[in-house]
Amino acid sequence: MSALPWFVAAWLFGIGLYGLATSRHAVHLVGCLTVCQSATYVLLLGLGFVDGAGPPIFYDHPPGTPAVDPIVQALVLTDIVVGAAVSALLLAVAVQVQKRRHTLDPQVLRPLRPPESTPERSSR
């Protein structure tokens, strides 16, 4: 296996992590999280790649013919579906935050409830 998928995955993850750390907009945060998750696609595909191997369809291949691992392909597809679902859920939350709070800046958002203060008890 080549080291290129590892470097590309690390680069994508680093770019996404930098975006997560410096973002001041909730939709940008979701996009950066998606970039971080795309690093897993590259890494899994790099791990499952076999040079000179064919598809994992064995009905017309003679025994001993190299083939790629179908488990890795299934994991990548599952990762893509889960990533799309998480991104859609987070974007829906961002829309609701915008409707209720009129901002998507995470630093401006305050807690939903004010912090509970302890009332001073009067002495009797």
N, C-alpha and C. Protein backbone atom coordinates (compact mmCIF):
# COMPACT_ATOMS: atom_id res chain seq x y z
N MET A 1 0.83 -1.18 0.00
CA MET A 1 0.00 0.00 0.00
C MET A 1 0.88 1.24 0.00
N SER A 2 0.45 2.22 -0.74
CA SER A 2 1.17 3.48 -0.85
C SER A 2 0.89 4.36 0.36
N ALA A 3 1.78 5.28 0.62
CA ALA A 3 1.59 6.22 1.72
C ALA A 3 0.74 7.41 1.31
N LEU A 4 0.45 7.54 0.02
CA LEU A 4 -0.32 8.68 -0.47
C LEU A 4 -1.71 8.79 0.17
N PRO A 5 -2.49 7.69 0.28
CA PRO A 5 -3.81 7.85 0.94
C PRO A 5 -3.70 8.32 2.39
N TRP A 6 -2.65 7.89 3.09
CA TRP A 6 -2.46 8.33 4.47
C TRP A 6 -2.19 9.84 4.52
N PHE A 7 -1.35 10.33 3.61
CA PHE A 7 -1.04 11.76 3.60
C PHE A 7 -2.26 12.58 3.19
N VAL A 8 -2.99 12.11 2.19
CA VAL A 8 -4.18 12.84 1.75
C VAL A 8 -5.24 12.85 2.85
N ALA A 9 -5.42 11.71 3.52
CA ALA A 9 -6.40 11.64 4.62
C ALA A 9 -5.98 12.55 5.77
N ALA A 10 -4.70 12.55 6.10
CA ALA A 10 -4.22 13.43 7.18
C ALA A 10 -4.38 14.90 6.80
N TRP A 11 -4.10 15.23 5.52
CA TRP A 11 -4.25 16.61 5.06
C TRP A 11 -5.72 17.05 5.12
N LEU A 12 -6.62 16.20 4.62
CA LEU A 12 -8.05 16.53 4.67
C LEU A 12 -8.54 16.69 6.11
N PHE A 13 -8.11 15.77 6.97
CA PHE A 13 -8.53 15.85 8.36
C PHE A 13 -7.98 17.11 9.02
N GLY A 14 -6.73 17.46 8.72
CA GLY A 14 -6.15 18.68 9.28
C GLY A 14 -6.84 19.94 8.81
N ILE A 15 -7.17 20.00 7.53
CA ILE A 15 -7.89 21.16 6.99
C ILE A 15 -9.27 21.27 7.64
N GLY A 16 -9.97 20.15 7.77
CA GLY A 16 -11.29 20.17 8.40
C GLY A 16 -11.21 20.55 9.87
N LEU A 17 -10.20 20.03 10.56
CA LEU A 17 -10.04 20.34 11.98
C LEU A 17 -9.69 21.82 12.18
N TYR A 18 -8.86 22.37 11.31
CA TYR A 18 -8.56 23.80 11.37
C TYR A 18 -9.83 24.63 11.16
N GLY A 19 -10.65 24.21 10.20
CA GLY A 19 -11.91 24.91 9.96
C GLY A 19 -12.85 24.82 11.15
N LEU A 20 -12.89 23.65 11.79
CA LEU A 20 -13.72 23.51 12.98
C LEU A 20 -13.26 24.42 14.11
N ALA A 21 -11.96 24.57 14.25
CA ALA A 21 -11.42 25.37 15.35
C ALA A 21 -11.58 26.87 15.11
N THR A 22 -11.60 27.30 13.86
CA THR A 22 -11.63 28.73 13.58
C THR A 22 -12.95 29.25 13.04
N SER A 23 -13.94 28.39 12.90
CA SER A 23 -15.20 28.79 12.28
C SER A 23 -16.02 29.69 13.19
N ARG A 24 -16.70 30.63 12.57
CA ARG A 24 -17.62 31.51 13.31
C ARG A 24 -19.01 31.47 12.70
N HIS A 25 -19.35 30.35 12.08
CA HIS A 25 -20.65 30.19 11.47
C HIS A 25 -21.04 28.71 11.54
N ALA A 26 -22.27 28.42 11.94
CA ALA A 26 -22.68 27.04 12.15
C ALA A 26 -22.70 26.22 10.86
N VAL A 27 -23.08 26.83 9.75
CA VAL A 27 -23.09 26.09 8.49
C VAL A 27 -21.67 25.77 8.05
N HIS A 28 -20.75 26.69 8.30
CA HIS A 28 -19.34 26.43 8.02
C HIS A 28 -18.82 25.29 8.88
N LEU A 29 -19.26 25.22 10.12
CA LEU A 29 -18.88 24.11 11.01
C LEU A 29 -19.32 22.77 10.43
N VAL A 30 -20.53 22.72 9.91
CA VAL A 30 -21.04 21.47 9.32
C VAL A 30 -20.21 21.10 8.09
N GLY A 31 -19.87 22.08 7.28
CA GLY A 31 -19.03 21.81 6.11
C GLY A 31 -17.65 21.31 6.50
N CYS A 32 -17.07 21.89 7.53
CA CYS A 32 -15.75 21.43 7.99
C CYS A 32 -15.82 20.03 8.58
N LEU A 33 -16.90 19.72 9.25
CA LEU A 33 -17.08 18.36 9.76
C LEU A 33 -17.20 17.36 8.61
N THR A 34 -17.84 17.76 7.53
CA THR A 34 -17.95 16.91 6.35
C THR A 34 -16.59 16.69 5.71
N VAL A 35 -15.75 17.72 5.69
CA VAL A 35 -14.39 17.56 5.16
C VAL A 35 -13.59 16.59 6.03
N CYS A 36 -13.74 16.70 7.34
CA CYS A 36 -13.07 15.75 8.25
C CYS A 36 -13.53 14.32 7.96
N GLN A 37 -14.80 14.15 7.73
CA GLN A 37 -15.30 12.81 7.48
C GLN A 37 -14.86 12.29 6.12
N SER A 38 -14.63 13.17 5.16
CA SER A 38 -14.16 12.71 3.86
C SER A 38 -12.76 12.12 3.96
N ALA A 39 -12.02 12.49 4.99
CA ALA A 39 -10.71 11.86 5.21
C ALA A 39 -10.87 10.37 5.48
N THR A 40 -11.95 9.98 6.12
CA THR A 40 -12.16 8.55 6.37
C THR A 40 -12.47 7.81 5.07
N TYR A 41 -13.14 8.46 4.13
CA TYR A 41 -13.41 7.82 2.84
C TYR A 41 -12.10 7.51 2.13
N VAL A 42 -11.23 8.51 2.09
CA VAL A 42 -9.95 8.35 1.40
C VAL A 42 -9.12 7.26 2.07
N LEU A 43 -9.10 7.27 3.39
CA LEU A 43 -8.30 6.28 4.11
C LEU A 43 -8.84 4.87 3.90
N LEU A 44 -10.14 4.69 3.99
CA LEU A 44 -10.72 3.36 3.78
C LEU A 44 -10.51 2.88 2.35
N LEU A 45 -10.68 3.76 1.39
CA LEU A 45 -10.46 3.35 0.00
C LEU A 45 -8.99 3.04 -0.26
N GLY A 46 -8.10 3.78 0.38
CA GLY A 46 -6.68 3.48 0.25
C GLY A 46 -6.31 2.15 0.87
N LEU A 47 -6.93 1.82 1.99
CA LEU A 47 -6.67 0.54 2.64
C LEU A 47 -7.21 -0.64 1.82
N GLY A 48 -8.33 -0.43 1.15
CA GLY A 48 -8.95 -1.51 0.40
C GLY A 48 -8.43 -1.67 -1.02
N PHE A 49 -7.58 -0.76 -1.48
CA PHE A 49 -7.08 -0.82 -2.85
C PHE A 49 -6.04 -1.93 -2.99
N VAL A 50 -6.20 -2.75 -4.02
CA VAL A 50 -5.23 -3.80 -4.34
C VAL A 50 -4.84 -3.60 -5.80
N ASP A 51 -3.55 -3.37 -6.05
CA ASP A 51 -3.08 -3.10 -7.41
C ASP A 51 -3.26 -4.34 -8.28
N GLY A 52 -3.92 -4.18 -9.41
CA GLY A 52 -4.13 -5.28 -10.34
C GLY A 52 -5.29 -6.19 -10.00
N ALA A 53 -6.03 -5.86 -8.96
CA ALA A 53 -7.16 -6.71 -8.56
C ALA A 53 -8.43 -6.27 -9.27
N GLY A 54 -9.32 -7.20 -9.45
CA GLY A 54 -10.58 -6.92 -10.12
C GLY A 54 -11.70 -6.72 -9.11
N PRO A 55 -12.91 -6.54 -9.62
CA PRO A 55 -14.06 -6.38 -8.72
C PRO A 55 -14.35 -7.69 -8.01
N PRO A 56 -15.02 -7.62 -6.87
CA PRO A 56 -15.30 -8.84 -6.09
C PRO A 56 -16.50 -9.61 -6.62
N ILE A 57 -16.49 -9.89 -7.92
CA ILE A 57 -17.54 -10.70 -8.55
C ILE A 57 -16.85 -11.96 -9.03
N PHE A 58 -17.17 -13.10 -8.45
CA PHE A 58 -16.37 -14.31 -8.65
C PHE A 58 -16.97 -15.32 -9.61
N TYR A 59 -18.11 -15.06 -10.20
CA TYR A 59 -18.72 -16.09 -11.03
C TYR A 59 -17.99 -16.30 -12.35
N ASP A 60 -17.25 -15.29 -12.84
CA ASP A 60 -16.54 -15.47 -14.10
C ASP A 60 -15.02 -15.41 -13.94
N HIS A 61 -14.52 -15.37 -12.71
CA HIS A 61 -13.07 -15.34 -12.46
C HIS A 61 -12.60 -16.73 -12.06
N PRO A 62 -11.45 -17.14 -12.54
CA PRO A 62 -10.90 -18.42 -12.08
C PRO A 62 -10.43 -18.30 -10.64
N PRO A 63 -10.38 -19.40 -9.91
CA PRO A 63 -9.92 -19.35 -8.51
C PRO A 63 -8.48 -18.82 -8.43
N GLY A 64 -8.22 -18.04 -7.41
CA GLY A 64 -6.89 -17.47 -7.21
C GLY A 64 -6.70 -16.12 -7.85
N THR A 65 -7.70 -15.61 -8.56
CA THR A 65 -7.60 -14.29 -9.16
C THR A 65 -7.72 -13.24 -8.06
N PRO A 66 -6.80 -12.26 -8.02
CA PRO A 66 -6.90 -11.24 -6.96
C PRO A 66 -8.15 -10.37 -7.15
N ALA A 67 -8.77 -10.05 -6.03
CA ALA A 67 -9.96 -9.19 -6.03
C ALA A 67 -9.89 -8.26 -4.83
N VAL A 68 -10.52 -7.13 -4.95
CA VAL A 68 -10.56 -6.18 -3.84
C VAL A 68 -11.53 -6.69 -2.78
N ASP A 69 -11.36 -6.19 -1.58
CA ASP A 69 -12.19 -6.62 -0.46
C ASP A 69 -13.53 -5.88 -0.50
N PRO A 70 -14.65 -6.60 -0.61
CA PRO A 70 -15.95 -5.91 -0.66
C PRO A 70 -16.36 -5.31 0.68
N ILE A 71 -15.77 -5.75 1.77
CA ILE A 71 -16.12 -5.21 3.09
C ILE A 71 -15.72 -3.74 3.17
N VAL A 72 -14.56 -3.41 2.63
CA VAL A 72 -14.10 -2.02 2.66
C VAL A 72 -15.04 -1.14 1.85
N GLN A 73 -15.48 -1.62 0.72
CA GLN A 73 -16.41 -0.84 -0.10
C GLN A 73 -17.73 -0.63 0.64
N ALA A 74 -18.19 -1.65 1.33
CA ALA A 74 -19.43 -1.51 2.10
C ALA A 74 -19.25 -0.53 3.24
N LEU A 75 -18.08 -0.53 3.88
CA LEU A 75 -17.82 0.42 4.96
C LEU A 75 -17.80 1.86 4.45
N VAL A 76 -17.23 2.07 3.28
CA VAL A 76 -17.20 3.43 2.71
C VAL A 76 -18.61 3.89 2.38
N LEU A 77 -19.41 3.02 1.79
CA LEU A 77 -20.80 3.40 1.48
C LEU A 77 -21.59 3.69 2.75
N THR A 78 -21.37 2.89 3.78
CA THR A 78 -22.04 3.14 5.07
C THR A 78 -21.58 4.46 5.66
N ASP A 79 -20.28 4.74 5.56
CA ASP A 79 -19.74 6.00 6.06
C ASP A 79 -20.33 7.19 5.33
N ILE A 80 -20.51 7.06 4.03
CA ILE A 80 -21.11 8.15 3.24
C ILE A 80 -22.56 8.41 3.67
N VAL A 81 -23.32 7.34 3.87
CA VAL A 81 -24.72 7.48 4.28
C VAL A 81 -24.83 8.10 5.66
N VAL A 82 -24.01 7.63 6.59
CA VAL A 82 -24.04 8.18 7.95
C VAL A 82 -23.61 9.65 7.93
N GLY A 83 -22.58 9.97 7.14
CA GLY A 83 -22.14 11.37 7.03
C GLY A 83 -23.21 12.27 6.47
N ALA A 84 -23.93 11.80 5.46
CA ALA A 84 -25.01 12.60 4.88
C ALA A 84 -26.13 12.82 5.89
N ALA A 85 -26.46 11.77 6.65
CA ALA A 85 -27.52 11.90 7.66
C ALA A 85 -27.12 12.87 8.77
N VAL A 86 -25.88 12.78 9.23
CA VAL A 86 -25.41 13.67 10.29
C VAL A 86 -25.38 15.11 9.78
N SER A 87 -24.90 15.31 8.56
CA SER A 87 -24.85 16.66 8.00
C SER A 87 -26.26 17.24 7.86
N ALA A 88 -27.20 16.44 7.38
CA ALA A 88 -28.58 16.92 7.24
C ALA A 88 -29.18 17.28 8.59
N LEU A 89 -28.92 16.46 9.60
CA LEU A 89 -29.44 16.74 10.94
C LEU A 89 -28.83 18.03 11.50
N LEU A 90 -27.53 18.20 11.35
CA LEU A 90 -26.88 19.40 11.86
C LEU A 90 -27.33 20.66 11.11
N LEU A 91 -27.55 20.54 9.81
CA LEU A 91 -28.06 21.70 9.06
C LEU A 91 -29.49 22.04 9.47
N ALA A 92 -30.30 21.03 9.78
CA ALA A 92 -31.65 21.29 10.27
C ALA A 92 -31.61 21.99 11.63
N VAL A 93 -30.68 21.58 12.47
CA VAL A 93 -30.52 22.26 13.77
C VAL A 93 -30.07 23.70 13.55
N ALA A 94 -29.18 23.92 12.59
CA ALA A 94 -28.71 25.28 12.31
C ALA A 94 -29.86 26.16 11.82
N VAL A 95 -30.74 25.61 11.00
CA VAL A 95 -31.90 26.39 10.53
C VAL A 95 -32.79 26.77 11.71
N GLN A 96 -33.01 25.84 12.63
CA GLN A 96 -33.85 26.14 13.79
C GLN A 96 -33.19 27.17 14.72
N VAL A 97 -31.88 27.07 14.87
CA VAL A 97 -31.17 28.07 15.68
C VAL A 97 -31.28 29.45 15.04
N GLN A 98 -31.15 29.51 13.73
CA GLN A 98 -31.28 30.80 13.03
C GLN A 98 -32.68 31.37 13.21
N LYS A 99 -33.70 30.52 13.15
CA LYS A 99 -35.08 31.00 13.32
C LYS A 99 -35.32 31.54 14.73
N ARG A 100 -34.77 30.87 15.73
CA ARG A 100 -35.06 31.24 17.11
C ARG A 100 -34.12 32.30 17.66
N ARG A 101 -32.86 32.25 17.28
CA ARG A 101 -31.87 33.15 17.86
C ARG A 101 -31.39 34.24 16.92
N HIS A 102 -31.69 34.13 15.64
CA HIS A 102 -31.32 35.12 14.63
C HIS A 102 -29.81 35.28 14.47
N THR A 103 -29.07 34.24 14.76
CA THR A 103 -27.63 34.23 14.53
C THR A 103 -27.15 32.79 14.41
N LEU A 104 -26.05 32.61 13.70
CA LEU A 104 -25.42 31.30 13.60
C LEU A 104 -23.98 31.33 14.10
N ASP A 105 -23.60 32.41 14.76
CA ASP A 105 -22.27 32.52 15.33
C ASP A 105 -22.24 31.79 16.67
N PRO A 106 -21.44 30.73 16.80
CA PRO A 106 -21.43 29.97 18.05
C PRO A 106 -20.98 30.79 19.26
N GLN A 107 -20.17 31.83 19.04
CA GLN A 107 -19.69 32.61 20.17
C GLN A 107 -20.73 33.61 20.67
N VAL A 108 -21.70 33.93 19.83
CA VAL A 108 -22.74 34.88 20.23
C VAL A 108 -23.89 34.17 20.93
N LEU A 109 -24.09 32.91 20.59
CA LEU A 109 -25.20 32.17 21.19
C LEU A 109 -24.99 32.04 22.69
N ARG A 110 -26.04 32.30 23.41
CA ARG A 110 -25.99 32.17 24.86
C ARG A 110 -26.82 30.95 25.26
N PRO A 111 -26.71 30.48 26.47
CA PRO A 111 -27.51 29.32 26.88
C PRO A 111 -29.01 29.62 26.77
N LEU A 112 -29.79 28.56 26.63
CA LEU A 112 -31.24 28.72 26.53
C LEU A 112 -31.83 29.32 27.80
N ARG A 113 -31.37 28.85 28.92
CA ARG A 113 -31.86 29.37 30.20
C ARG A 113 -30.75 30.17 30.86
N PRO A 114 -31.12 31.23 31.53
CA PRO A 114 -30.08 31.95 32.27
C PRO A 114 -29.57 31.07 33.41
N PRO A 115 -28.32 31.23 33.78
CA PRO A 115 -27.81 30.41 34.88
C PRO A 115 -28.59 30.70 36.16
N GLU A 116 -28.84 29.63 36.87
CA GLU A 116 -29.62 29.78 38.11
C GLU A 116 -28.78 30.48 39.16
N SER A 117 -29.33 31.53 39.70
CA SER A 117 -28.62 32.23 40.77
C SER A 117 -29.23 31.78 42.09
N THR A 118 -28.41 31.71 43.08
CA THR A 118 -28.91 31.30 44.40
C THR A 118 -29.50 32.52 45.09
N PRO A 119 -30.78 32.46 45.38
CA PRO A 119 -31.38 33.60 46.08
C PRO A 119 -30.85 33.71 47.49
N GLU A 120 -30.63 34.93 47.89
CA GLU A 120 -30.14 35.14 49.24
C GLU A 120 -31.30 34.95 50.20
N ARG A 121 -31.02 34.19 51.22
CA ARG A 121 -32.06 33.93 52.21
C ARG A 121 -32.01 35.01 53.29
N SER A 122 -33.16 35.45 53.59
CA SER A 122 -33.21 36.46 54.66
C SER A 122 -33.19 35.76 56.00
N SER A 123 -32.49 36.34 56.90
CA SER A 123 -32.42 35.73 58.24
C SER A 123 -33.65 36.13 59.03
N ARG A 124 -34.15 35.21 59.82
CA ARG A 124 -35.37 35.47 60.60
C ARG A 124 -35.06 35.82 61.98
